[in-house]
PDB file of N, CA and C in Angstrom:
ATOM      1  N   UNK A   1    -140.705 -15.932 -22.968  1.00  0.00           N
ATOM      2  CA  UNK A   1    -142.023 -16.136 -22.399  1.00  0.00           C
ATOM      3  C   UNK A   1    -142.931 -16.762 -23.459  1.00  0.00           C
ATOM      4  N   UNK A   2    -143.538 -17.851 -23.139  1.00  0.00           N
ATOM      5  CA  UNK A   2    -144.411 -18.523 -24.099  1.00  0.00           C
ATOM      6  C   UNK A   2    -145.838 -18.006 -23.964  1.00  0.00           C
ATOM      7  N   UNK A   3    -146.466 -17.806 -25.106  1.00  0.00           N
ATOM      8  CA  UNK A   3    -147.854 -17.370 -25.118  1.00  0.00           C
ATOM      9  C   UNK A   3    -148.740 -18.590 -25.299  1.00  0.00           C
ATOM     10  N   UNK A   4    -149.788 -18.674 -24.496  1.00  0.00           N
ATOM     11  CA  UNK A   4    -150.704 -19.792 -24.669  1.00  0.00           C
ATOM     12  C   UNK A   4    -151.748 -19.403 -25.718  1.00  0.00           C
ATOM     13  N   UNK A   5    -152.066 -20.345 -26.548  1.00  0.00           N
ATOM     14  CA  UNK A   5    -153.053 -20.123 -27.602  1.00  0.00           C
ATOM     15  C   UNK A   5    -154.387 -20.665 -27.116  1.00  0.00           C
ATOM     16  N   UNK A   6    -155.389 -19.854 -27.255  1.00  0.00           N
ATOM     17  CA  UNK A   6    -156.726 -20.263 -26.826  1.00  0.00           C
ATOM     18  C   UNK A   6    -157.283 -21.271 -27.825  1.00  0.00           C
ATOM     19  N   UNK A   7    -157.885 -22.324 -27.310  1.00  0.00           N
ATOM     20  CA  UNK A   7    -158.521 -23.353 -28.128  1.00  0.00           C
ATOM     21  C   UNK A   7    -160.030 -23.237 -27.918  1.00  0.00           C
ATOM     22  N   UNK A   8    -160.765 -23.146 -29.031  1.00  0.00           N
ATOM     23  CA  UNK A   8    -162.225 -23.063 -28.963  1.00  0.00           C
ATOM     24  C   UNK A   8    -162.824 -24.206 -29.772  1.00  0.00           C
ATOM     25  N   UNK A   9    -164.066 -24.503 -29.524  1.00  0.00           N
ATOM     26  CA  UNK A   9    -164.769 -25.543 -30.280  1.00  0.00           C
ATOM     27  C   UNK A   9    -165.474 -24.896 -31.468  1.00  0.00           C
ATOM     28  N   UNK A  10    -165.343 -25.493 -32.634  1.00  0.00           N
ATOM     29  CA  UNK A  10    -166.050 -25.026 -33.825  1.00  0.00           C
ATOM     30  C   UNK A  10    -167.555 -25.078 -33.511  1.00  0.00           C
ATOM     31  N   UNK A  11    -168.276 -23.970 -33.739  1.00  0.00           N
ATOM     32  CA  UNK A  11    -169.713 -23.961 -33.432  1.00  0.00           C
ATOM     33  C   UNK A  11    -170.527 -24.985 -34.218  1.00  0.00           C
ATOM     34  N   UNK A  12    -170.024 -25.419 -35.363  1.00  0.00           N
ATOM     35  CA  UNK A  12    -170.766 -26.350 -36.209  1.00  0.00           C
ATOM     36  C   UNK A  12    -170.476 -27.804 -35.870  1.00  0.00           C
ATOM     37  N   UNK A  13    -169.185 -28.174 -35.842  1.00  0.00           N
ATOM     38  CA  UNK A  13    -168.850 -29.594 -35.685  1.00  0.00           C
ATOM     39  C   UNK A  13    -168.127 -29.921 -34.374  1.00  0.00           C
ATOM     40  N   UNK A  14    -167.841 -28.908 -33.583  1.00  0.00           N
ATOM     41  CA  UNK A  14    -167.201 -29.051 -32.264  1.00  0.00           C
ATOM     42  C   UNK A  14    -165.726 -29.462 -32.337  1.00  0.00           C
ATOM     43  N   UNK A  15    -165.086 -29.406 -33.495  1.00  0.00           N
ATOM     44  CA  UNK A  15    -163.657 -29.677 -33.626  1.00  0.00           C
ATOM     45  C   UNK A  15    -162.890 -28.559 -32.929  1.00  0.00           C
ATOM     46  N   UNK A  16    -161.757 -28.879 -32.323  1.00  0.00           N
ATOM     47  CA  UNK A  16    -160.953 -27.861 -31.663  1.00  0.00           C
ATOM     48  C   UNK A  16    -160.288 -26.957 -32.692  1.00  0.00           C
ATOM     49  N   UNK A  17    -160.338 -25.649 -32.431  1.00  0.00           N
ATOM     50  CA  UNK A  17    -159.772 -24.644 -33.327  1.00  0.00           C
ATOM     51  C   UNK A  17    -158.865 -23.734 -32.513  1.00  0.00           C
ATOM     52  N   UNK A  18    -157.666 -23.480 -33.023  1.00  0.00           N
ATOM     53  CA  UNK A  18    -156.745 -22.544 -32.375  1.00  0.00           C
ATOM     54  C   UNK A  18    -157.203 -21.122 -32.687  1.00  0.00           C
ATOM     55  N   UNK A  19    -157.379 -20.289 -31.651  1.00  0.00           N
ATOM     56  CA  UNK A  19    -157.839 -18.913 -31.828  1.00  0.00           C
ATOM     57  C   UNK A  19    -156.604 -18.029 -32.016  1.00  0.00           C
ATOM     58  N   UNK A  20    -156.196 -17.893 -33.267  1.00  0.00           N
ATOM     59  CA  UNK A  20    -155.024 -17.091 -33.606  1.00  0.00           C
ATOM     60  C   UNK A  20    -155.192 -16.569 -35.030  1.00  0.00           C
ATOM     61  N   UNK A  21    -154.443 -15.539 -35.411  1.00  0.00           N
ATOM     62  CA  UNK A  21    -154.607 -14.951 -36.744  1.00  0.00           C
ATOM     63  C   UNK A  21    -154.433 -15.951 -37.893  1.00  0.00           C
ATOM     64  N   UNK A  22    -153.646 -16.976 -37.707  1.00  0.00           N
ATOM     65  CA  UNK A  22    -153.434 -17.962 -38.764  1.00  0.00           C
ATOM     66  C   UNK A  22    -154.649 -18.859 -38.984  1.00  0.00           C
ATOM     67  N   UNK A  23    -155.567 -18.890 -38.037  1.00  0.00           N
ATOM     68  CA  UNK A  23    -156.795 -19.696 -38.166  1.00  0.00           C
ATOM     69  C   UNK A  23    -157.781 -18.900 -39.016  1.00  0.00           C
ATOM     70  N   UNK A  24    -157.745 -19.122 -40.283  1.00  0.00           N
ATOM     71  CA  UNK A  24    -158.466 -18.308 -41.262  1.00  0.00           C
ATOM     72  C   UNK A  24    -159.975 -18.240 -41.028  1.00  0.00           C
ATOM     73  N   UNK A  25    -160.587 -19.311 -40.593  1.00  0.00           N
ATOM     74  CA  UNK A  25    -162.054 -19.364 -40.483  1.00  0.00           C
ATOM     75  C   UNK A  25    -162.547 -19.270 -39.048  1.00  0.00           C
ATOM     76  N   UNK A  26    -161.679 -18.922 -38.106  1.00  0.00           N
ATOM     77  CA  UNK A  26    -162.085 -18.913 -36.697  1.00  0.00           C
ATOM     78  C   UNK A  26    -163.368 -18.133 -36.491  1.00  0.00           C
ATOM     79  N   UNK A  27    -164.276 -18.523 -35.692  1.00  0.00           N
ATOM     80  CA  UNK A  27    -164.200 -19.636 -34.760  1.00  0.00           C
ATOM     81  C   UNK A  27    -164.501 -20.993 -35.394  1.00  0.00           C
ATOM     82  N   UNK A  28    -164.704 -21.011 -36.711  1.00  0.00           N
ATOM     83  CA  UNK A  28    -164.997 -22.271 -37.395  1.00  0.00           C
ATOM     84  C   UNK A  28    -163.700 -22.975 -37.772  1.00  0.00           C
ATOM     85  N   UNK A  29    -163.772 -24.276 -37.977  1.00  0.00           N
ATOM     86  CA  UNK A  29    -162.578 -25.039 -38.338  1.00  0.00           C
ATOM     87  C   UNK A  29    -162.304 -24.994 -39.832  1.00  0.00           C
ATOM     88  N   UNK A  30    -163.325 -24.690 -40.631  1.00  0.00           N
ATOM     89  CA  UNK A  30    -163.159 -24.710 -42.083  1.00  0.00           C
ATOM     90  C   UNK A  30    -164.197 -23.819 -42.746  1.00  0.00           C
ATOM     91  N   UNK A  31    -163.992 -23.572 -44.024  1.00  0.00           N
ATOM     92  CA  UNK A  31    -164.971 -22.801 -44.785  1.00  0.00           C
ATOM     93  C   UNK A  31    -166.304 -23.542 -44.841  1.00  0.00           C
ATOM     94  N   UNK A  32    -166.256 -24.856 -44.921  1.00  0.00           N
ATOM     95  CA  UNK A  32    -167.482 -25.663 -44.959  1.00  0.00           C
ATOM     96  C   UNK A  32    -168.348 -25.394 -43.733  1.00  0.00           C
ATOM     97  N   UNK A  33    -167.742 -25.446 -42.547  1.00  0.00           N
ATOM     98  CA  UNK A  33    -168.506 -25.206 -41.316  1.00  0.00           C
ATOM     99  C   UNK A  33    -169.017 -23.761 -41.262  1.00  0.00           C
ATOM    100  N   UNK A  34    -168.216 -22.822 -41.750  1.00  0.00           N
ATOM    101  CA  UNK A  34    -168.640 -21.420 -41.774  1.00  0.00           C
ATOM    102  C   UNK A  34    -169.862 -21.255 -42.673  1.00  0.00           C
ATOM    103  N   UNK A  35    -169.855 -21.905 -43.836  1.00  0.00           N
ATOM    104  CA  UNK A  35    -170.979 -21.800 -44.762  1.00  0.00           C
ATOM    105  C   UNK A  35    -172.224 -22.518 -44.248  1.00  0.00           C
ATOM    106  N   UNK A  36    -172.041 -23.615 -43.546  1.00  0.00           N
ATOM    107  CA  UNK A  36    -173.184 -24.301 -42.925  1.00  0.00           C
ATOM    108  C   UNK A  36    -173.867 -23.360 -41.943  1.00  0.00           C
ATOM    109  N   UNK A  37    -173.073 -22.674 -41.115  1.00  0.00           N
ATOM    110  CA  UNK A  37    -173.623 -21.736 -40.134  1.00  0.00           C
ATOM    111  C   UNK A  37    -174.331 -20.578 -40.836  1.00  0.00           C
ATOM    112  N   UNK A  38    -173.712 -20.028 -41.878  1.00  0.00           N
ATOM    113  CA  UNK A  38    -174.336 -18.947 -42.631  1.00  0.00           C
ATOM    114  C   UNK A  38    -175.673 -19.391 -43.215  1.00  0.00           C
ATOM    115  N   UNK A  39    -175.725 -20.608 -43.730  1.00  0.00           N
ATOM    116  CA  UNK A  39    -176.969 -21.149 -44.275  1.00  0.00           C
ATOM    117  C   UNK A  39    -178.058 -21.281 -43.219  1.00  0.00           C
ATOM    118  N   UNK A  40    -177.672 -21.617 -42.004  1.00  0.00           N
ATOM    119  CA  UNK A  40    -178.652 -21.720 -40.913  1.00  0.00           C
ATOM    120  C   UNK A  40    -179.272 -20.351 -40.615  1.00  0.00           C
ATOM    121  N   UNK A  41    -178.442 -19.301 -40.621  1.00  0.00           N
ATOM    122  CA  UNK A  41    -178.963 -17.947 -40.408  1.00  0.00           C
ATOM    123  C   UNK A  41    -179.848 -17.536 -41.587  1.00  0.00           C
ATOM    124  N   UNK A  42    -179.393 -17.813 -42.813  1.00  0.00           N
ATOM    125  CA  UNK A  42    -180.145 -17.408 -44.004  1.00  0.00           C
ATOM    126  C   UNK A  42    -181.507 -18.087 -44.092  1.00  0.00           C
ATOM    127  N   UNK A  43    -181.588 -19.329 -43.630  1.00  0.00           N
ATOM    128  CA  UNK A  43    -182.870 -20.041 -43.675  1.00  0.00           C
ATOM    129  C   UNK A  43    -183.703 -19.797 -42.412  1.00  0.00           C
ATOM    130  N   UNK A  44    -183.232 -18.889 -41.559  1.00  0.00           N
ATOM    131  CA  UNK A  44    -183.912 -18.485 -40.328  1.00  0.00           C
ATOM    132  C   UNK A  44    -184.057 -19.614 -39.315  1.00  0.00           C
ATOM    133  N   UNK A  45    -183.148 -20.591 -39.359  1.00  0.00           N
ATOM    134  CA  UNK A  45    -183.133 -21.616 -38.316  1.00  0.00           C
ATOM    135  C   UNK A  45    -182.558 -21.069 -37.021  1.00  0.00           C
ATOM    136  N   UNK A  46    -181.714 -20.052 -37.130  1.00  0.00           N
ATOM    137  CA  UNK A  46    -181.199 -19.336 -35.958  1.00  0.00           C
ATOM    138  C   UNK A  46    -181.932 -18.010 -35.891  1.00  0.00           C
ATOM    139  N   UNK A  47    -182.285 -17.603 -34.686  1.00  0.00           N
ATOM    140  CA  UNK A  47    -182.969 -16.322 -34.504  1.00  0.00           C
ATOM    141  C   UNK A  47    -182.461 -15.671 -33.243  1.00  0.00           C
ATOM    142  N   UNK A  48    -182.418 -14.353 -33.261  1.00  0.00           N
ATOM    143  CA  UNK A  48    -182.054 -13.587 -32.077  1.00  0.00           C
ATOM    144  C   UNK A  48    -183.355 -13.181 -31.405  1.00  0.00           C
ATOM    145  N   UNK A  49    -183.534 -13.535 -30.129  1.00  0.00           N
ATOM    146  CA  UNK A  49    -184.785 -13.184 -29.460  1.00  0.00           C
ATOM    147  C   UNK A  49    -184.942 -11.662 -29.352  1.00  0.00           C
ATOM    148  N   UNK A  50    -186.153 -11.209 -29.521  1.00  0.00           N
ATOM    149  CA  UNK A  50    -186.440  -9.779 -29.425  1.00  0.00           C
ATOM    150  C   UNK A  50    -187.825  -9.588 -28.827  1.00  0.00           C
ATOM    151  N   UNK A  51    -188.010  -8.464 -28.196  1.00  0.00           N
ATOM    152  CA  UNK A  51    -189.319  -8.127 -27.643  1.00  0.00           C
ATOM    153  C   UNK A  51    -190.019  -7.177 -28.605  1.00  0.00           C
ATOM    154  N   UNK A  52    -191.326  -7.287 -28.652  1.00  0.00           N
ATOM    155  CA  UNK A  52    -192.095  -6.367 -29.471  1.00  0.00           C
ATOM    156  C   UNK A  52    -192.016  -4.983 -28.849  1.00  0.00           C
ATOM    157  N   UNK A  53    -191.958  -3.955 -29.701  1.00  0.00           N
ATOM    158  CA  UNK A  53    -191.899  -2.595 -29.184  1.00  0.00           C
ATOM    159  C   UNK A  53    -193.203  -2.211 -28.490  1.00  0.00           C
ATOM    160  N   UNK A  54    -194.318  -2.649 -29.039  1.00  0.00           N
ATOM    161  CA  UNK A  54    -195.627  -2.390 -28.441  1.00  0.00           C
ATOM    162  C   UNK A  54    -196.286  -3.726 -28.141  1.00  0.00           C
ATOM    163  N   UNK A  55    -196.304  -4.136 -26.881  1.00  0.00           N
ATOM    164  CA  UNK A  55    -196.951  -5.405 -26.544  1.00  0.00           C
ATOM    165  C   UNK A  55    -198.410  -5.411 -27.009  1.00  0.00           C
ATOM    166  N   UNK A  56    -198.941  -6.591 -27.328  1.00  0.00           N
ATOM    167  CA  UNK A  56    -200.333  -6.688 -27.781  1.00  0.00           C
ATOM    168  C   UNK A  56    -201.281  -6.039 -26.760  1.00  0.00           C
ATOM    169  N   UNK A  57    -202.266  -5.313 -27.264  1.00  0.00           N
ATOM    170  CA  UNK A  57    -203.267  -4.684 -26.401  1.00  0.00           C
ATOM    171  C   UNK A  57    -202.893  -3.291 -25.944  1.00  0.00           C
ATOM    172  N   UNK A  58    -201.682  -2.847 -26.198  1.00  0.00           N
ATOM    173  CA  UNK A  58    -201.286  -1.479 -25.812  1.00  0.00           C
ATOM    174  C   UNK A  58    -201.230  -0.623 -27.066  1.00  0.00           C
ATOM    175  N   UNK A  59    -201.724   0.607 -26.962  1.00  0.00           N
ATOM    176  CA  UNK A  59    -201.671   1.488 -28.143  1.00  0.00           C
ATOM    177  C   UNK A  59    -200.229   1.881 -28.451  1.00  0.00           C
ATOM    178  N   UNK A  60    -199.936   2.158 -29.725  1.00  0.00           N
ATOM    179  CA  UNK A  60    -198.585   2.601 -30.062  1.00  0.00           C
ATOM    180  C   UNK A  60    -198.254   3.924 -29.392  1.00  0.00           C
ATOM    181  N   UNK A  61    -196.991   4.087 -29.019  1.00  0.00           N
ATOM    182  CA  UNK A  61    -196.557   5.333 -28.395  1.00  0.00           C
ATOM    183  C   UNK A  61    -196.302   6.365 -29.479  1.00  0.00           C
ATOM    184  N   UNK A  62    -196.701   7.588 -29.196  1.00  0.00           N
ATOM    185  CA  UNK A  62    -196.462   8.654 -30.166  1.00  0.00           C
ATOM    186  C   UNK A  62    -195.063   9.223 -29.962  1.00  0.00           C
ATOM    187  N   UNK A  63    -194.396   9.602 -31.063  1.00  0.00           N
ATOM    188  CA  UNK A  63    -193.059  10.192 -30.927  1.00  0.00           C
ATOM    189  C   UNK A  63    -193.122  11.553 -30.272  1.00  0.00           C
ATOM    190  N   UNK A  64    -192.089  11.911 -29.546  1.00  0.00           N
ATOM    191  CA  UNK A  64    -192.059  13.201 -28.830  1.00  0.00           C
ATOM    192  C   UNK A  64    -191.389  14.232 -29.664  1.00  0.00           C
TER     193      UNK A  64
END
């Protein structure tokens, strides 16, 4: 029985990458692309959206 290997696009350069244990930098194609992505996070070019705990104009909630 043959196993199919999943192919994904490198998030940085869009090169096809085999998703398997031998793909050392997956989901990236290389260490270079992995470091470029890390640099984007470090320089805050990428952000995870979040909501403020206390919307403006509402008093802070007291702990119970």
